[in-house]
PDB file of all heavy atoms in Angstrom:
ATOM      1  N   ALA A   1     106.357 159.737  95.314  1.00  0.00           N
ATOM      2  CA  ALA A   1     107.208 158.697  94.745  1.00  0.00           C
ATOM      3  C   ALA A   1     108.453 159.343  94.170  1.00  0.00           C
ATOM      4  O   ALA A   1     108.418 160.469  93.672  1.00  0.00           O
ATOM      5  CB  ALA A   1     106.461 157.927  93.657  1.00  0.00           C
ATOM      6  N   LEU A   2     109.565 158.616  94.229  1.00  0.00           N
ATOM      7  CA  LEU A   2     110.803 159.018  93.575  1.00  0.00           C
ATOM      8  C   LEU A   2     110.944 158.192  92.301  1.00  0.00           C
ATOM      9  O   LEU A   2     110.922 156.960  92.350  1.00  0.00           O
ATOM     10  CB  LEU A   2     112.003 158.790  94.486  1.00  0.00           C
ATOM     11  CG  LEU A   2     112.008 159.580  95.800  1.00  0.00           C
ATOM     12  CD1 LEU A   2     113.229 159.200  96.638  1.00  0.00           C
ATOM     13  CD2 LEU A   2     112.003 161.079  95.533  1.00  0.00           C
ATOM     14  N   ILE A   3     111.054 158.885  91.179  1.00  0.00           N
ATOM     15  CA  ILE A   3     111.071 158.236  89.874  1.00  0.00           C
ATOM     16  C   ILE A   3     112.474 158.378  89.283  1.00  0.00           C
ATOM     17  O   ILE A   3     112.976 159.489  89.112  1.00  0.00           O
ATOM     18  CB  ILE A   3     110.045 158.885  88.918  1.00  0.00           C
ATOM     19  CG1 ILE A   3     108.680 159.044  89.612  1.00  0.00           C
ATOM     20  CG2 ILE A   3     109.928 158.084  87.637  1.00  0.00           C
ATOM     21  CD1 ILE A   3     108.071 157.759  90.087  1.00  0.00           C
ATOM     22  N   TYR A   4     113.108 157.245  88.959  1.00  0.00           N
ATOM     23  CA  TYR A   4     114.475 157.221  88.432  1.00  0.00           C
ATOM     24  C   TYR A   4     114.447 156.919  86.931  1.00  0.00           C
ATOM     25  O   TYR A   4     113.793 155.962  86.497  1.00  0.00           O
ATOM     26  CB  TYR A   4     115.306 156.144  89.139  1.00  0.00           C
ATOM     27  CG  TYR A   4     115.538 156.387  90.609  1.00  0.00           C
ATOM     28  CD1 TYR A   4     114.513 156.227  91.544  1.00  0.00           C
ATOM     29  CD2 TYR A   4     116.794 156.772  91.070  1.00  0.00           C
ATOM     30  CE1 TYR A   4     114.727 156.440  92.904  1.00  0.00           C
ATOM     31  CE2 TYR A   4     117.024 156.983  92.434  1.00  0.00           C
ATOM     32  CZ  TYR A   4     115.986 156.817  93.336  1.00  0.00           C
ATOM     33  OH  TYR A   4     116.207 157.040  94.677  1.00  0.00           O
ATOM     34  N   PHE A   5     115.182 157.714  86.175  1.00  0.00           N
ATOM     35  CA  PHE A   5     115.212 157.497  84.728  1.00  0.00           C
ATOM     36  C   PHE A   5     116.481 158.084  84.136  1.00  0.00           C
ATOM     37  O   PHE A   5     117.127 158.963  84.711  1.00  0.00           O
ATOM     38  CB  PHE A   5     113.972 158.114  84.065  1.00  0.00           C
ATOM     39  CG  PHE A   5     113.741 159.559  84.426  1.00  0.00           C
ATOM     40  CD1 PHE A   5     114.270 160.588  83.664  1.00  0.00           C
ATOM     41  CD2 PHE A   5     112.991 159.895  85.553  1.00  0.00           C
ATOM     42  CE1 PHE A   5     114.060 161.912  84.009  1.00  0.00           C
ATOM     43  CE2 PHE A   5     112.776 161.221  85.913  1.00  0.00           C
ATOM     44  CZ  PHE A   5     113.315 162.232  85.133  1.00  0.00           C
ATOM     45  N   ALA A   6     116.831 157.573  82.951  1.00  0.00           N
ATOM     46  CA  ALA A   6     118.012 158.069  82.233  1.00  0.00           C
ATOM     47  C   ALA A   6     117.650 159.193  81.284  1.00  0.00           C
ATOM     48  O   ALA A   6     118.523 159.948  80.860  1.00  0.00           O
ATOM     49  CB  ALA A   6     118.676 156.927  81.462  1.00  0.00           C
ATOM     50  N   GLY A   7     116.379 159.286  80.899  1.00  0.00           N
ATOM     51  CA  GLY A   7     115.930 160.408  80.092  1.00  0.00           C
ATOM     52  C   GLY A   7     115.676 160.123  78.626  1.00  0.00           C
ATOM     53  O   GLY A   7     115.547 161.057  77.834  1.00  0.00           O
ATOM     54  N   LEU A   8     115.579 158.846  78.241  1.00  0.00           N
ATOM     55  CA  LEU A   8     115.329 158.506  76.839  1.00  0.00           C
ATOM     56  C   LEU A   8     114.036 157.704  76.701  1.00  0.00           C
ATOM     57  O   LEU A   8     113.720 156.873  77.559  1.00  0.00           O
ATOM     58  CB  LEU A   8     116.478 157.680  76.258  1.00  0.00           C
ATOM     59  CG  LEU A   8     117.813 158.382  76.056  1.00  0.00           C
ATOM     60  CD1 LEU A   8     118.807 157.415  75.413  1.00  0.00           C
ATOM     61  CD2 LEU A   8     117.666 159.626  75.196  1.00  0.00           C
ATOM     62  N   PRO A   9     113.297 157.918  75.596  1.00  0.00           N
ATOM     63  CA  PRO A   9     112.136 157.074  75.297  1.00  0.00           C
ATOM     64  C   PRO A   9     112.598 155.746  74.701  1.00  0.00           C
ATOM     65  O   PRO A   9     113.785 155.587  74.359  1.00  0.00           O
ATOM     66  CB  PRO A   9     111.380 157.906  74.252  1.00  0.00           C
ATOM     67  CG  PRO A   9     112.462 158.652  73.533  1.00  0.00           C
ATOM     68  CD  PRO A   9     113.493 158.969  74.580  1.00  0.00           C
ATOM     69  N   ASP A  10     111.673 154.804  74.552  1.00  0.00           N
ATOM     70  CA  ASP A  10     112.061 153.504  74.000  1.00  0.00           C
ATOM     71  C   ASP A  10     111.885 153.417  72.488  1.00  0.00           C
ATOM     72  O   ASP A  10     112.239 152.419  71.880  1.00  0.00           O
ATOM     73  CB  ASP A  10     111.282 152.370  74.677  1.00  0.00           C
ATOM     74  CG  ASP A  10     109.779 152.408  74.398  1.00  0.00           C
ATOM     75  OD1 ASP A  10     109.362 152.834  73.302  1.00  0.00           O
ATOM     76  OD2 ASP A  10     109.006 152.013  75.279  1.00  0.00           O
ATOM     77  N   TYR A  11     111.336 154.460  71.864  1.00  0.00           N
ATOM     78  CA  TYR A  11     111.169 154.428  70.408  1.00  0.00           C
ATOM     79  C   TYR A  11     112.392 155.033  69.716  1.00  0.00           C
ATOM     80  O   TYR A  11     113.227 155.692  70.337  1.00  0.00           O
ATOM     81  CB  TYR A  11     109.890 155.158  69.998  1.00  0.00           C
ATOM     82  CG  TYR A  11     109.709 156.541  70.571  1.00  0.00           C
ATOM     83  CD1 TYR A  11     110.478 157.623  70.153  1.00  0.00           C
ATOM     84  CD2 TYR A  11     108.751 156.770  71.561  1.00  0.00           C
ATOM     85  CE1 TYR A  11     110.300 158.887  70.675  1.00  0.00           C
ATOM     86  CE2 TYR A  11     108.571 158.035  72.102  1.00  0.00           C
ATOM     87  CZ  TYR A  11     109.349 159.090  71.650  1.00  0.00           C
ATOM     88  OH  TYR A  11     109.177 160.341  72.177  1.00  0.00           O
ATOM     89  N   THR A  12     112.489 154.804  68.429  1.00  0.00           N
ATOM     90  CA  THR A  12     113.602 155.334  67.660  1.00  0.00           C
ATOM     91  C   THR A  12     113.549 156.854  67.632  1.00  0.00           C
ATOM     92  O   THR A  12     112.548 157.435  67.224  1.00  0.00           O
ATOM     93  CB  THR A  12     113.565 154.813  66.212  1.00  0.00           C
ATOM     94  OG1 THR A  12     113.572 153.387  66.225  1.00  0.00           O
ATOM     95  CG2 THR A  12     114.765 155.310  65.423  1.00  0.00           C
ATOM     96  N   ILE A  13     114.622 157.490  68.074  1.00  0.00           N
ATOM     97  CA  ILE A  13     114.673 158.946  68.026  1.00  0.00           C
ATOM     98  C   ILE A  13     115.467 159.366  66.794  1.00  0.00           C
ATOM     99  O   ILE A  13     116.551 158.852  66.527  1.00  0.00           O
ATOM    100  CB  ILE A  13     115.259 159.552  69.309  1.00  0.00           C
ATOM    101  CG1 ILE A  13     116.647 159.017  69.627  1.00  0.00           C
ATOM    102  CG2 ILE A  13     114.331 159.289  70.473  1.00  0.00           C
ATOM    103  CD1 ILE A  13     117.282 159.646  70.855  1.00  0.00           C
ATOM    104  N   GLY A  14     114.906 160.298  66.050  1.00  0.00           N
ATOM    105  CA  GLY A  14     115.563 160.781  64.848  1.00  0.00           C
ATOM    106  C   GLY A  14     116.759 161.655  65.191  1.00  0.00           C
ATOM    107  O   GLY A  14     116.788 162.325  66.214  1.00  0.00           O
ATOM    108  N   THR A  15     117.735 161.642  64.307  1.00  0.00           N
ATOM    109  CA  THR A  15     118.911 162.491  64.464  1.00  0.00           C
ATOM    110  C   THR A  15     118.686 163.795  63.717  1.00  0.00           C
ATOM    111  O   THR A  15     118.327 163.765  62.538  1.00  0.00           O
ATOM    112  CB  THR A  15     120.158 161.796  63.897  1.00  0.00           C
ATOM    113  OG1 THR A  15     120.319 160.522  64.515  1.00  0.00           O
ATOM    114  CG2 THR A  15     121.404 162.635  64.128  1.00  0.00           C
ATOM    115  N   PRO A  16     118.861 164.940  64.352  1.00  0.00           N
ATOM    116  CA  PRO A  16     118.715 166.205  63.627  1.00  0.00           C
ATOM    117  C   PRO A  16     119.715 166.291  62.477  1.00  0.00           C
ATOM    118  O   PRO A  16     120.775 165.657  62.498  1.00  0.00           O
ATOM    119  CB  PRO A  16     119.019 167.260  64.701  1.00  0.00           C
ATOM    120  CG  PRO A  16     118.800 166.570  66.004  1.00  0.00           C
ATOM    121  CD  PRO A  16     119.175 165.147  65.770  1.00  0.00           C
ATOM    122  N   SER A  17     119.390 167.087  61.487  1.00  0.00           N
ATOM    123  CA  SER A  17     120.284 167.225  60.341  1.00  0.00           C
ATOM    124  C   SER A  17     121.465 168.138  60.641  1.00  0.00           C
ATOM    125  O   SER A  17     122.496 168.068  59.974  1.00  0.00           O
ATOM    126  CB  SER A  17     119.501 167.757  59.128  1.00  0.00           C
ATOM    127  OG  SER A  17     118.889 168.994  59.423  1.00  0.00           O
ATOM    128  N   LEU A  18     121.339 169.002  61.672  1.00  0.00           N
ATOM    129  CA  LEU A  18     122.414 169.892  62.087  1.00  0.00           C
ATOM    130  C   LEU A  18     122.682 169.720  63.581  1.00  0.00           C
ATOM    131  O   LEU A  18     121.831 169.237  64.326  1.00  0.00           O
ATOM    132  CB  LEU A  18     122.054 171.344  61.803  1.00  0.00           C
ATOM    133  CG  LEU A  18     121.832 171.742  60.332  1.00  0.00           C
ATOM    134  CD1 LEU A  18     121.339 173.183  60.238  1.00  0.00           C
ATOM    135  CD2 LEU A  18     123.105 171.564  59.513  1.00  0.00           C
ATOM    136  N   PHE A  19     123.852 170.134  64.011  1.00  0.00           N
ATOM    137  CA  PHE A  19     124.265 170.027  65.419  1.00  0.00           C
ATOM    138  C   PHE A  19     124.161 168.586  65.919  1.00  0.00           C
ATOM    139  O   PHE A  19     123.713 168.327  67.034  1.00  0.00           O
ATOM    140  CB  PHE A  19     123.422 170.957  66.293  1.00  0.00           C
ATOM    141  CG  PHE A  19     123.855 172.400  66.274  1.00  0.00           C
ATOM    142  CD1 PHE A  19     124.562 172.915  65.204  1.00  0.00           C
ATOM    143  CD2 PHE A  19     123.547 173.255  67.308  1.00  0.00           C
ATOM    144  CE1 PHE A  19     124.948 174.238  65.166  1.00  0.00           C
ATOM    145  CE2 PHE A  19     123.937 174.598  67.285  1.00  0.00           C
ATOM    146  CZ  PHE A  19     124.641 175.086  66.212  1.00  0.00           C
ATOM    147  N   THR A  20     124.559 167.647  65.091  1.00  0.00           N
ATOM    148  CA  THR A  20     124.466 166.240  65.471  1.00  0.00           C
ATOM    149  C   THR A  20     125.433 165.879  66.587  1.00  0.00           C
ATOM    150  O   THR A  20     125.311 164.817  67.197  1.00  0.00           O
ATOM    151  CB  THR A  20     124.730 165.333  64.261  1.00  0.00           C
ATOM    152  OG1 THR A  20     126.019 165.650  63.713  1.00  0.00           O
ATOM    153  CG2 THR A  20     123.671 165.541  63.190  1.00  0.00           C
ATOM    154  N   SER A  21     126.386 166.783  66.871  1.00  0.00           N
ATOM    155  CA  SER A  21     127.316 166.525  67.979  1.00  0.00           C
ATOM    156  C   SER A  21     126.639 166.700  69.334  1.00  0.00           C
ATOM    157  O   SER A  21     127.175 166.263  70.353  1.00  0.00           O
ATOM    158  CB  SER A  21     128.533 167.452  67.881  1.00  0.00           C
ATOM    159  OG  SER A  21     128.136 168.815  67.982  1.00  0.00           O
ATOM    160  N   PHE A  22     125.455 167.331  69.361  1.00  0.00           N
ATOM    161  CA  PHE A  22     124.696 167.464  70.606  1.00  0.00           C
ATOM    162  C   PHE A  22     123.938 166.157  70.830  1.00  0.00           C
ATOM    163  O   PHE A  22     122.757 166.038  70.548  1.00  0.00           O
ATOM    164  CB  PHE A  22     123.704 168.619  70.522  1.00  0.00           C
ATOM    165  CG  PHE A  22     124.323 169.992  70.460  1.00  0.00           C
ATOM    166  CD1 PHE A  22     125.678 170.179  70.328  1.00  0.00           C
ATOM    167  CD2 PHE A  22     123.521 171.110  70.537  1.00  0.00           C
ATOM    168  CE1 PHE A  22     126.251 171.444  70.273  1.00  0.00           C
ATOM    169  CE2 PHE A  22     124.067 172.393  70.480  1.00  0.00           C
ATOM    170  CZ  PHE A  22     125.437 172.550  70.351  1.00  0.00           C
ATOM    171  N   LYS A  23     124.632 165.171  71.349  1.00  0.00           N
ATOM    172  CA  LYS A  23     124.042 163.833  71.497  1.00  0.00           C
ATOM    173  C   LYS A  23     123.377 163.673  72.865  1.00  0.00           C
ATOM    174  O   LYS A  23     123.833 164.239  73.858  1.00  0.00           O
ATOM    175  CB  LYS A  23     125.117 162.763  71.321  1.00  0.00           C
ATOM    176  CG  LYS A  23     125.771 162.718  69.948  1.00  0.00           C
ATOM    177  CD  LYS A  23     126.799 161.601  69.881  1.00  0.00           C
ATOM    178  CE  LYS A  23     127.421 161.496  68.491  1.00  0.00           C
ATOM    179  NZ  LYS A  23     128.289 162.656  68.190  1.00  0.00           N
ATOM    180  N   PRO A  24     122.300 162.876  72.925  1.00  0.00           N
ATOM    181  CA  PRO A  24     121.671 162.594  74.221  1.00  0.00           C
ATOM    182  C   PRO A  24     122.630 161.834  75.136  1.00  0.00           C
ATOM    183  O   PRO A  24     123.457 161.048  74.677  1.00  0.00           O
ATOM    184  CB  PRO A  24     120.459 161.729  73.852  1.00  0.00           C
ATOM    185  CG  PRO A  24     120.213 162.001  72.408  1.00  0.00           C
ATOM    186  CD  PRO A  24     121.560 162.261  71.807  1.00  0.00           C
ATOM    187  N   GLY A  25     122.494 162.062  76.430  1.00  0.00           N
ATOM    188  CA  GLY A  25     123.295 161.342  77.418  1.00  0.00           C
ATOM    189  C   GLY A  25     122.413 160.739  78.491  1.00  0.00           C
ATOM    190  O   GLY A  25     121.191 160.923  78.502  1.00  0.00           O
ATOM    191  N   ASN A  26     123.032 159.999  79.386  1.00  0.00           N
ATOM    192  CA  ASN A  26     122.322 159.448  80.539  1.00  0.00           C
ATOM    193  C   ASN A  26     122.228 160.534  81.602  1.00  0.00           C
ATOM    194  O   ASN A  26     123.247 161.030  82.083  1.00  0.00           O
ATOM    195  CB  ASN A  26     123.058 158.230  81.086  1.00  0.00           C
ATOM    196  CG  ASN A  26     122.251 157.476  82.130  1.00  0.00           C
ATOM    197  OD1 ASN A  26     121.444 158.065  82.852  1.00  0.00           O
ATOM    198  ND2 ASN A  26     122.466 156.171  82.216  1.00  0.00           N
ATOM    199  N   LEU A  27     121.018 160.904  81.981  1.00  0.00           N
ATOM    200  CA  LEU A  27     120.826 161.993  82.931  1.00  0.00           C
ATOM    201  C   LEU A  27     121.053 161.562  84.377  1.00  0.00           C
ATOM    202  O   LEU A  27     121.295 162.396  85.245  1.00  0.00           O
ATOM    203  CB  LEU A  27     119.412 162.562  82.804  1.00  0.00           C
ATOM    204  CG  LEU A  27     118.980 163.044  81.419  1.00  0.00           C
ATOM    205  CD1 LEU A  27     117.617 163.703  81.510  1.00  0.00           C
ATOM    206  CD2 LEU A  27     120.003 163.979  80.824  1.00  0.00           C
ATOM    207  N   TYR A  28     120.928 160.269  84.659  1.00  0.00           N
ATOM    208  CA  TYR A  28     121.035 159.769  86.034  1.00  0.00           C
ATOM    209  C   TYR A  28     120.194 160.642  86.966  1.00  0.00           C
ATOM    210  O   TYR A  28     120.663 161.115  88.003  1.00  0.00           O
ATOM    211  CB  TYR A  28     122.488 159.788  86.517  1.00  0.00           C
ATOM    212  CG  TYR A  28     123.408 158.878  85.745  1.00  0.00           C
ATOM    213  CD1 TYR A  28     124.308 159.396  84.816  1.00  0.00           C
ATOM    214  CD2 TYR A  28     123.389 157.502  85.939  1.00  0.00           C
ATOM    215  CE1 TYR A  28     125.167 158.578  84.100  1.00  0.00           C
ATOM    216  CE2 TYR A  28     124.237 156.663  85.231  1.00  0.00           C
ATOM    217  CZ  TYR A  28     125.128 157.214  84.310  1.00  0.00           C
ATOM    218  OH  TYR A  28     125.967 156.387  83.602  1.00  0.00           O
ATOM    219  N   THR A  29     118.944 160.863  86.609  1.00  0.00           N
ATOM    220  CA  THR A  29     118.171 161.818  87.400  1.00  0.00           C
ATOM    221  C   THR A  29     116.991 161.170  88.113  1.00  0.00           C
ATOM    222  O   THR A  29     116.587 160.047  87.816  1.00  0.00           O
ATOM    223  CB  THR A  29     117.693 162.988  86.522  1.00  0.00           C
ATOM    224  OG1 THR A  29     117.359 164.096  87.345  1.00  0.00           O
ATOM    225  CG2 THR A  29     116.492 162.606  85.674  1.00  0.00           C
ATOM    226  N   VAL A  30     116.456 161.930  89.061  1.00  0.00           N
ATOM    227  CA  VAL A  30     115.347 161.485  89.905  1.00  0.00           C
ATOM    228  C   VAL A  30     114.338 162.619  90.007  1.00  0.00           C
ATOM    229  O   VAL A  30     114.728 163.781  90.164  1.00  0.00           O
ATOM    230  CB  VAL A  30     115.840 161.133  91.336  1.00  0.00           C
ATOM    231  CG1 VAL A  30     114.710 160.465  92.127  1.00  0.00           C
ATOM    232  CG2 VAL A  30     117.074 160.265  91.303  1.00  0.00           C
ATOM    233  N   TYR A  31     113.061 162.283  89.894  1.00  0.00           N
ATOM    234  CA  TYR A  31     111.998 163.263  90.133  1.00  0.00           C
ATOM    235  C   TYR A  31     111.188 162.824  91.346  1.00  0.00           C
ATOM    236  O   TYR A  31     111.007 161.622  91.584  1.00  0.00           O
ATOM    237  CB  TYR A  31     111.065 163.358  88.917  1.00  0.00           C
ATOM    238  CG  TYR A  31     111.343 164.528  88.015  1.00  0.00           C
ATOM    239  CD1 TYR A  31     112.632 164.855  87.639  1.00  0.00           C
ATOM    240  CD2 TYR A  31     110.308 165.303  87.513  1.00  0.00           C
ATOM    241  CE1 TYR A  31     112.890 165.915  86.794  1.00  0.00           C
ATOM    242  CE2 TYR A  31     110.546 166.365  86.659  1.00  0.00           C
ATOM    243  CZ  TYR A  31     111.847 166.669  86.304  1.00  0.00           C
ATOM    244  OH  TYR A  31     112.087 167.722  85.465  1.00  0.00           O
TER     245      TYR A  31
END
């Protein structure tokens, strides 16, 4: 099977206290 996902879970993800500029993005990826 080819699985398409953006790479984020559906629950609230916490923001780290440092390096907050490293934000999650849409991966547009397939496995």
